Protein backbone atom coordinates (compact mmCIF):
# COMPACT_ATOMS: atom_id res chain seq x y z
CA MET A 1 -113.42 -53.41 -275.88
CA GLU A 2 -113.99 -55.04 -272.54
CA LYS A 3 -115.53 -52.67 -270.00
CA ASN A 4 -114.75 -49.68 -272.22
CA ILE A 5 -111.03 -50.08 -271.64
CA ILE A 6 -108.80 -49.61 -274.67
CA LYS A 7 -105.96 -52.12 -274.71
CA VAL A 8 -102.98 -50.53 -276.42
CA GLY A 9 -99.72 -51.70 -277.95
CA VAL A 10 -96.89 -49.28 -278.71
CA ILE A 11 -94.53 -50.07 -281.59
CA SER A 12 -91.11 -48.60 -280.69
CA CYS A 13 -89.42 -47.90 -277.38
CA SER A 14 -87.81 -44.59 -278.36
CA ASN A 15 -87.98 -41.50 -276.16
CA MET A 16 -90.98 -40.28 -278.17
CA ALA A 17 -92.63 -43.68 -277.76
CA ILE A 18 -92.10 -43.46 -274.01
CA GLY A 19 -94.04 -40.18 -274.05
CA HIS A 20 -96.91 -41.97 -275.76
CA MET A 21 -96.71 -44.81 -273.24
CA ARG A 22 -97.04 -42.36 -270.38
CA GLY A 23 -100.10 -40.90 -272.10
CA VAL A 24 -101.71 -44.33 -272.25
CA ILE A 25 -100.84 -45.16 -268.66
CA ARG A 26 -102.32 -41.88 -267.38
CA HIS A 27 -105.61 -42.40 -269.19
CA PRO A 28 -108.35 -43.85 -266.94
CA LYS A 29 -109.86 -45.89 -269.76
CA ALA A 30 -106.74 -47.27 -271.38
CA GLU A 31 -104.25 -50.00 -270.58
CA LEU A 32 -100.76 -50.39 -272.02
CA VAL A 33 -100.52 -54.14 -272.57
CA ALA A 34 -97.68 -54.63 -275.05
CA ILE A 35 -94.58 -52.98 -276.50
CA CYS A 36 -92.36 -53.74 -279.47
CA ASP A 37 -88.83 -52.88 -280.56
CA THR A 38 -86.08 -54.61 -282.53
CA ASP A 39 -83.59 -53.40 -279.92
CA VAL A 40 -84.27 -56.02 -277.24
CA GLU A 41 -82.09 -54.41 -274.60
CA LYS A 42 -83.90 -51.10 -274.94
CA MET A 43 -87.29 -52.83 -275.03
CA ASN A 44 -86.54 -54.75 -271.84
CA ARG A 45 -85.37 -51.59 -270.11
CA VAL A 46 -88.59 -49.77 -271.03
CA GLY A 47 -90.72 -52.82 -270.27
CA ASP A 48 -89.21 -53.05 -266.80
CA MET A 49 -89.71 -49.32 -266.29
CA PHE A 50 -93.46 -49.59 -266.86
CA GLY A 51 -94.03 -53.20 -265.79
CA ILE A 52 -95.09 -54.36 -269.26
CA GLU A 53 -94.77 -58.13 -269.57
CA ARG A 54 -95.69 -58.62 -273.22
CA ARG A 55 -92.74 -57.64 -275.39
CA TYR A 56 -92.25 -58.35 -279.08
CA GLU A 57 -89.28 -57.94 -281.42
CA ASN A 58 -91.48 -58.25 -284.50
CA TYR A 59 -94.39 -55.81 -284.81
CA LYS A 60 -96.46 -58.45 -286.64
CA ASP A 61 -96.43 -60.60 -283.50
CA LEU A 62 -97.88 -57.67 -281.56
CA LEU A 63 -100.55 -57.11 -284.23
CA ALA A 64 -101.51 -60.79 -284.01
CA GLN A 65 -102.69 -60.32 -280.42
CA GLU A 66 -106.48 -60.29 -280.70
CA ASP A 67 -107.10 -58.51 -277.40
CA ILE A 68 -105.15 -55.41 -278.48
CA ASP A 69 -107.61 -52.74 -279.65
CA ALA A 70 -105.24 -50.00 -280.77
CA VAL A 71 -101.60 -49.45 -281.66
CA ILE A 72 -99.37 -46.39 -281.64
CA ILE A 73 -96.68 -46.36 -284.35
CA VAL A 74 -93.63 -44.34 -283.31
CA THR A 75 -91.03 -45.90 -285.59
CA PRO A 76 -88.70 -44.27 -288.17
CA ASP A 77 -90.72 -42.57 -290.89
CA LYS A 78 -89.92 -45.02 -293.70
CA LEU A 79 -91.53 -47.85 -291.71
CA HIS A 80 -94.90 -46.14 -291.22
CA LYS A 81 -96.58 -47.39 -294.39
CA ASP A 82 -96.14 -51.13 -293.90
CA MET A 83 -96.92 -50.96 -290.20
CA ALA A 84 -100.01 -48.77 -290.68
CA VAL A 85 -101.41 -50.92 -293.46
CA ASP A 86 -100.73 -54.14 -291.53
CA ALA A 87 -102.27 -52.71 -288.35
CA LEU A 88 -105.48 -51.76 -290.13
CA ALA A 89 -105.61 -55.21 -291.75
CA ALA A 90 -105.28 -56.69 -288.25
CA ASN A 91 -108.38 -54.70 -287.21
CA LYS A 92 -106.55 -52.27 -284.93
CA HIS A 93 -107.22 -48.58 -284.40
CA VAL A 94 -104.06 -46.68 -285.32
CA LEU A 95 -102.30 -43.56 -284.08
CA CYS A 96 -99.35 -43.04 -286.43
CA GLU A 97 -96.63 -40.49 -285.73
CA LYS A 98 -95.85 -37.74 -288.22
CA PRO A 99 -94.85 -37.53 -291.01
CA LEU A 100 -97.43 -39.95 -292.37
CA ALA A 101 -94.95 -41.33 -294.94
CA LEU A 102 -91.97 -40.31 -297.07
CA THR A 103 -93.44 -40.84 -300.55
CA ARG A 104 -96.71 -39.97 -302.25
CA GLU A 105 -97.16 -43.64 -303.12
CA ASP A 106 -96.92 -44.67 -299.47
CA CYS A 107 -99.40 -41.96 -298.45
CA VAL A 108 -101.83 -43.25 -301.09
CA ASP A 109 -101.40 -46.85 -299.89
CA ILE A 110 -102.18 -45.85 -296.30
CA ALA A 111 -105.18 -43.78 -297.39
CA ASN A 112 -106.53 -46.71 -299.40
CA ALA A 113 -106.10 -49.02 -296.40
CA VAL A 114 -108.02 -46.54 -294.22
CA LYS A 115 -110.85 -46.44 -296.77
CA LYS A 116 -111.19 -50.22 -296.60
CA SER A 117 -111.15 -50.34 -292.80
CA ASP A 118 -113.76 -49.47 -290.19
CA ARG A 119 -111.03 -48.69 -287.64
CA LYS A 120 -110.02 -45.18 -286.53
CA PHE A 121 -106.80 -43.82 -288.02
CA MET A 122 -105.18 -40.70 -286.58
CA VAL A 123 -101.94 -38.96 -287.55
CA GLY A 124 -99.83 -37.62 -284.69
CA GLN A 125 -99.53 -33.94 -285.64
CA ILE A 126 -98.48 -33.08 -282.13
CA CYS A 127 -98.14 -29.29 -282.54
CA ARG A 128 -101.93 -29.14 -282.57
CA TYR A 129 -101.77 -30.19 -278.91
CA THR A 130 -99.02 -27.79 -277.83
CA PRO A 131 -100.64 -25.46 -275.24
CA ALA A 132 -99.29 -22.20 -276.75
CA PHE A 133 -100.28 -23.10 -280.31
CA LYS A 134 -103.68 -24.37 -279.26
CA ALA A 135 -104.38 -21.16 -277.32
CA ALA A 136 -103.17 -19.04 -280.24
CA LYS A 137 -105.52 -20.80 -282.64
CA GLU A 138 -108.46 -20.32 -280.28
CA ILE A 139 -107.74 -16.57 -280.16
CA ILE A 140 -107.48 -16.44 -283.95
CA ASP A 141 -110.70 -18.43 -284.42
CA ARG A 142 -112.54 -16.04 -282.11
CA GLY A 143 -111.51 -13.18 -284.38
CA GLU A 144 -109.57 -11.36 -281.68
CA ILE A 145 -106.74 -10.36 -284.02
CA GLY A 146 -109.01 -9.76 -286.99
CA GLU A 147 -108.44 -11.32 -290.37
CA LEU A 148 -105.16 -13.15 -290.83
CA MET A 149 -102.75 -11.58 -293.30
CA PHE A 150 -99.37 -13.22 -292.54
CA VAL A 151 -98.34 -16.43 -290.73
CA GLU A 152 -94.87 -17.69 -289.93
CA SER A 153 -93.34 -20.68 -288.19
CA GLU A 154 -89.89 -22.19 -287.86
CA TYR A 155 -88.43 -25.57 -287.09
CA ALA A 156 -84.98 -24.79 -285.74
CA HIS A 157 -83.34 -27.95 -284.43
CA ASP A 158 -79.63 -28.70 -284.37
CA TYR A 159 -79.30 -32.39 -285.33
CA GLU A 160 -75.53 -32.46 -284.69
CA LYS A 161 -75.75 -35.08 -281.93
CA ILE A 162 -78.53 -37.20 -283.42
CA LEU A 163 -77.89 -37.21 -287.19
CA LYS A 164 -75.22 -39.70 -288.26
CA PRO A 165 -74.53 -41.42 -291.60
CA GLY A 166 -76.71 -44.48 -291.97
CA ASN A 167 -79.30 -43.64 -289.31
CA TRP A 168 -82.94 -43.08 -290.18
CA ARG A 169 -82.73 -39.29 -290.15
CA TRP A 170 -80.04 -39.50 -292.87
CA ASP A 171 -82.57 -40.92 -295.37
CA PRO A 172 -82.65 -38.61 -298.44
CA LEU A 173 -86.40 -39.13 -298.74
CA ARG A 174 -86.91 -37.86 -295.21
CA ASN A 175 -85.24 -34.48 -295.77
CA GLY A 176 -85.15 -31.96 -292.95
CA VAL A 177 -88.32 -30.39 -294.35
CA VAL A 178 -90.41 -33.57 -294.54
CA GLY A 179 -89.18 -35.19 -291.34
CA GLY A 180 -88.94 -32.17 -289.03
CA GLY A 181 -90.23 -29.14 -290.87
CA CYS A 182 -93.57 -30.90 -291.25
CA HIS A 183 -94.28 -29.65 -287.71
CA ALA A 184 -94.14 -26.00 -288.81
CA VAL A 185 -95.93 -26.71 -292.08
CA ASP A 186 -98.76 -28.55 -290.35
CA LEU A 187 -99.12 -25.77 -287.77
CA LEU A 188 -99.61 -23.17 -290.51
CA ARG A 189 -101.97 -25.47 -292.44
CA TRP A 190 -104.03 -25.92 -289.27
CA VAL A 191 -104.30 -22.17 -288.75
CA ALA A 192 -104.37 -20.75 -292.30
CA GLY A 193 -105.41 -23.61 -294.60
CA ASP A 194 -103.68 -25.53 -297.38
CA PRO A 195 -100.87 -23.61 -299.12
CA GLU A 196 -101.83 -22.90 -302.73
CA GLU A 197 -98.39 -21.97 -304.05
CA VAL A 198 -94.87 -22.49 -302.72
CA GLN A 199 -91.50 -20.88 -303.45
CA ALA A 200 -88.39 -22.01 -301.60
CA TYR A 201 -84.63 -21.68 -301.30
CA SER A 202 -82.16 -23.90 -299.46
CA ASN A 203 -78.46 -24.22 -298.74
CA HIS A 204 -75.95 -26.62 -297.21
CA LYS A 205 -73.44 -24.65 -295.19
CA ILE A 206 -73.14 -26.35 -291.81
CA PHE A 207 -73.74 -30.09 -291.77
CA ASP A 208 -71.59 -32.93 -293.10
CA PRO A 209 -71.30 -32.44 -296.88
CA ALA A 210 -72.27 -36.09 -297.32
CA LEU A 211 -75.73 -35.40 -295.91
CA PRO A 212 -78.01 -36.12 -298.91
CA TYR A 213 -80.19 -33.04 -298.45
CA ASP A 214 -79.73 -29.35 -297.67
CA ASP A 215 -79.59 -28.46 -294.00
CA THR A 216 -81.44 -25.12 -294.17
CA THR A 217 -84.56 -24.18 -296.14
CA ILE A 218 -86.88 -21.19 -296.28
CA ALA A 219 -90.26 -21.33 -297.99
CA ILE A 220 -92.69 -18.57 -298.93
CA MET A 221 -96.28 -19.68 -299.35
CA LYS A 222 -99.62 -18.34 -300.49
CA PHE A 223 -102.60 -19.54 -298.46
CA PRO A 224 -106.36 -19.23 -299.09
CA ASN A 225 -107.98 -15.80 -298.56
CA ASN A 226 -104.80 -14.09 -299.76
CA ILE A 227 -102.87 -14.96 -296.59
CA ILE A 228 -99.13 -15.12 -297.11
CA GLY A 229 -96.70 -17.08 -295.00
CA LYS A 230 -93.18 -18.27 -294.36
CA VAL A 231 -91.59 -21.44 -293.00
CA PHE A 232 -87.94 -21.68 -291.89
CA VAL A 233 -86.43 -25.13 -291.42
CA SER A 234 -82.90 -25.86 -290.24
CA VAL A 235 -81.50 -29.10 -288.88
CA ALA A 236 -78.08 -27.52 -288.31
CA CYS A 237 -78.61 -24.02 -286.87
CA LYS A 238 -76.65 -23.29 -283.72
CA ARG A 239 -79.27 -22.54 -281.10
CA GLU A 240 -81.72 -24.32 -278.81
CA TYR A 241 -84.64 -26.18 -280.37
CA THR A 242 -87.56 -23.85 -281.08
CA MET A 243 -90.71 -23.47 -283.12
CA ARG A 244 -91.21 -19.73 -282.71
CA SER A 245 -94.36 -18.78 -284.61
CA LEU A 246 -96.07 -15.50 -285.49
CA PHE A 247 -99.62 -14.78 -286.58
CA TYR A 248 -100.39 -11.32 -287.92
CA GLY A 249 -103.99 -10.18 -288.21
CA THR A 250 -105.64 -6.93 -289.22
CA LYS A 251 -106.35 -6.11 -285.55
CA GLY A 252 -103.52 -7.78 -283.70
CA THR A 253 -100.53 -10.08 -283.58
CA ILE A 254 -99.58 -13.26 -281.70
CA ILE A 255 -95.96 -14.23 -281.02
CA CYS A 256 -95.54 -17.65 -279.45
CA ASP A 257 -93.13 -20.54 -279.04
CA ASN A 258 -93.50 -24.15 -277.95
CA LYS A 259 -90.61 -23.68 -275.50
CA SER A 260 -91.93 -20.65 -273.60
CA ASN A 261 -94.28 -20.46 -270.60
CA LYS A 262 -96.05 -17.42 -272.07
CA PHE A 263 -96.86 -15.81 -275.37
CA GLU A 264 -97.47 -12.26 -276.49
CA LEU A 265 -100.71 -10.85 -277.86
CA PHE A 266 -100.86 -7.37 -279.39
CA LYS A 267 -104.35 -5.93 -280.03
CA THR A 268 -105.94 -2.74 -281.29
CA ASN A 269 -108.85 -3.28 -278.91
CA VAL A 270 -109.78 -5.51 -276.00
CA ASN A 271 -112.80 -7.79 -276.06
CA GLU A 272 -114.01 -7.68 -272.45
CA THR A 273 -115.51 -11.17 -272.66
CA THR A 274 -112.19 -12.78 -273.51
CA THR A 275 -109.56 -10.50 -271.97
CA GLU A 276 -111.24 -9.47 -268.76
CA GLY A 277 -109.16 -7.64 -266.16
CA LEU A 278 -106.56 -6.13 -268.46
CA MET A 279 -105.13 -2.72 -267.60
CA PRO A 280 -106.13 0.20 -269.89
CA LYS A 281 -102.51 0.67 -270.97
CA GLN A 282 -102.73 -2.72 -272.65
CA LEU A 283 -105.00 -1.20 -275.28
CA ASN A 284 -101.80 0.21 -276.75
CA THR A 285 -100.61 -2.06 -279.59
CA GLU A 286 -97.02 -1.37 -278.62
CA ILE A 287 -97.53 -3.09 -275.28
CA PRO A 288 -98.03 -6.87 -275.41
CA ILE A 289 -100.55 -8.78 -273.35
CA GLU A 290 -98.59 -11.68 -271.85
CA ILE A 291 -100.62 -14.87 -271.67
CA PRO A 292 -99.26 -17.72 -269.49
CA VAL A 293 -99.27 -21.25 -270.91
CA ALA A 294 -97.91 -24.63 -269.93
CA ILE A 295 -94.71 -25.76 -271.63
CA ASN A 296 -95.39 -29.08 -273.32
CA ASN A 297 -93.89 -29.20 -276.78
CA HIS A 298 -94.47 -32.95 -277.19
CA ASN A 299 -97.86 -33.28 -275.55
CA ALA A 300 -98.39 -36.98 -276.23
CA SER A 301 -100.81 -37.31 -273.31
CA ALA A 302 -103.25 -34.78 -274.83
CA GLU A 303 -102.84 -36.43 -278.21
CA PHE A 304 -103.67 -39.86 -276.81
CA GLU A 305 -106.58 -38.42 -274.82
CA GLU A 306 -108.07 -37.24 -278.12
CA PHE A 307 -107.37 -40.61 -279.77
CA ALA A 308 -109.02 -42.48 -276.90
CA SER A 309 -112.07 -40.20 -276.97
CA ILE A 310 -112.43 -40.80 -280.72
CA ILE A 311 -112.41 -44.57 -280.19
CA LEU A 312 -114.58 -44.71 -277.06
CA ASN A 313 -117.20 -42.26 -278.35
CA ASP A 314 -117.04 -43.18 -282.03
CA LYS A 315 -116.08 -39.60 -282.93
CA GLU A 316 -114.73 -38.32 -286.21
CA VAL A 317 -110.95 -38.08 -286.44
CA THR A 318 -109.61 -34.54 -286.87
CA THR A 319 -106.01 -35.29 -287.88
CA THR A 320 -107.13 -37.79 -290.50
CA VAL A 321 -104.96 -39.71 -292.93
CA TYR A 322 -105.74 -36.95 -295.44
CA GLU A 323 -104.63 -34.22 -293.04
CA GLY A 324 -101.35 -36.07 -292.58
CA ALA A 325 -100.98 -36.60 -296.31
CA LYS A 326 -101.68 -32.95 -297.12
CA THR A 327 -98.98 -31.81 -294.73
CA VAL A 328 -96.52 -34.17 -296.40
CA ALA A 329 -97.66 -32.91 -299.82
CA ALA A 330 -96.95 -29.31 -298.80
CA CYS A 331 -93.49 -30.41 -297.62
CA PHE A 332 -92.86 -32.19 -300.93
CA ALA A 333 -93.74 -28.92 -302.69
CA ILE A 334 -91.18 -27.02 -300.60
CA VAL A 335 -88.44 -29.51 -301.41
CA GLU A 336 -89.33 -29.44 -305.12
CA ALA A 337 -89.44 -25.64 -305.20
CA ALA A 338 -86.02 -25.41 -303.55
CA GLU A 339 -84.54 -27.94 -305.98
CA THR A 340 -86.03 -26.44 -309.16
CA GLY A 341 -86.23 -22.75 -308.34
CA LYS A 342 -89.80 -22.75 -309.60
CA VAL A 343 -93.16 -21.94 -308.03
CA VAL A 344 -94.82 -25.24 -307.09
CA VAL A 345 -98.52 -25.95 -306.59
CA PRO A 346 -98.89 -28.73 -303.98
CA ASN A 347 -100.77 -31.86 -305.07
CA TYR A 348 -103.32 -32.68 -302.38
CA GLU A 349 -105.01 -35.54 -304.25
CA PHE A 350 -104.69 -38.80 -302.36
């Protein structure tokens, strides 16, 4: 990389891709040099917005550019496998949006391609960069709420305006759990570990009956260390988008959301080194400590900052291909449990 500058290409010009582009542009050691989209009108509009001259309809033409060091894949989920494998074969570092893929076979193919490559491969599990969730995990890791006993997250997102027959979200393989609920599943995996057993129930009461998967699902899971948990996923519920999450420990509780500028911490005691300046009344577990946080529920800039640091400093990837695959595997288990009515043990072998 010339002068320690990462030259980046972004595959897709969607709204999410634009967030990634802004992350690249803001980084002092990165340069957005190329974009790609099959929708030429949209690509030209985005290219003009950011002054990007190199524009490609075919992602393989972008990958053929030898000066591009890294690519960000922000395309519909079913396209991830071919693009990720081709990008690694073209000697590019890869940041691939979640979910990693829609089938176990595709996850395995990507993992095998990563094994053969010396490039960095990172999965975009963006909830790990959401300020509220990141702060909550830091509190949990410090032991401030004791030992975890119950964790809960929800992916409540009304797809009414964005889910239409034939579009990529309609894909039966995607399912609301795999495509959207993977956010909540990955968040709980990050905090509590890999679910060991899954039970689930689902129904189809709101969305178009032709939708090839249920629109609402609830899963109960057993995590390591006898932690229990719950995930709620709905792509049809009538409310604003939210990922309200709760973490119950033996000495306290955290209630947070990716759409709020604060979260609540309940504690049986106050550690003076981490909660300095709190009023004595806040020792009462019935009174929450309100902790301010930035609202950034799609923090692509922080995600790219981590990706760039991994490349520039030859660091280990945290959200590896296996982390992405395990989250998908847990989602597969939820779907299977809901369909069969049986307890399912997720298969994390990739």
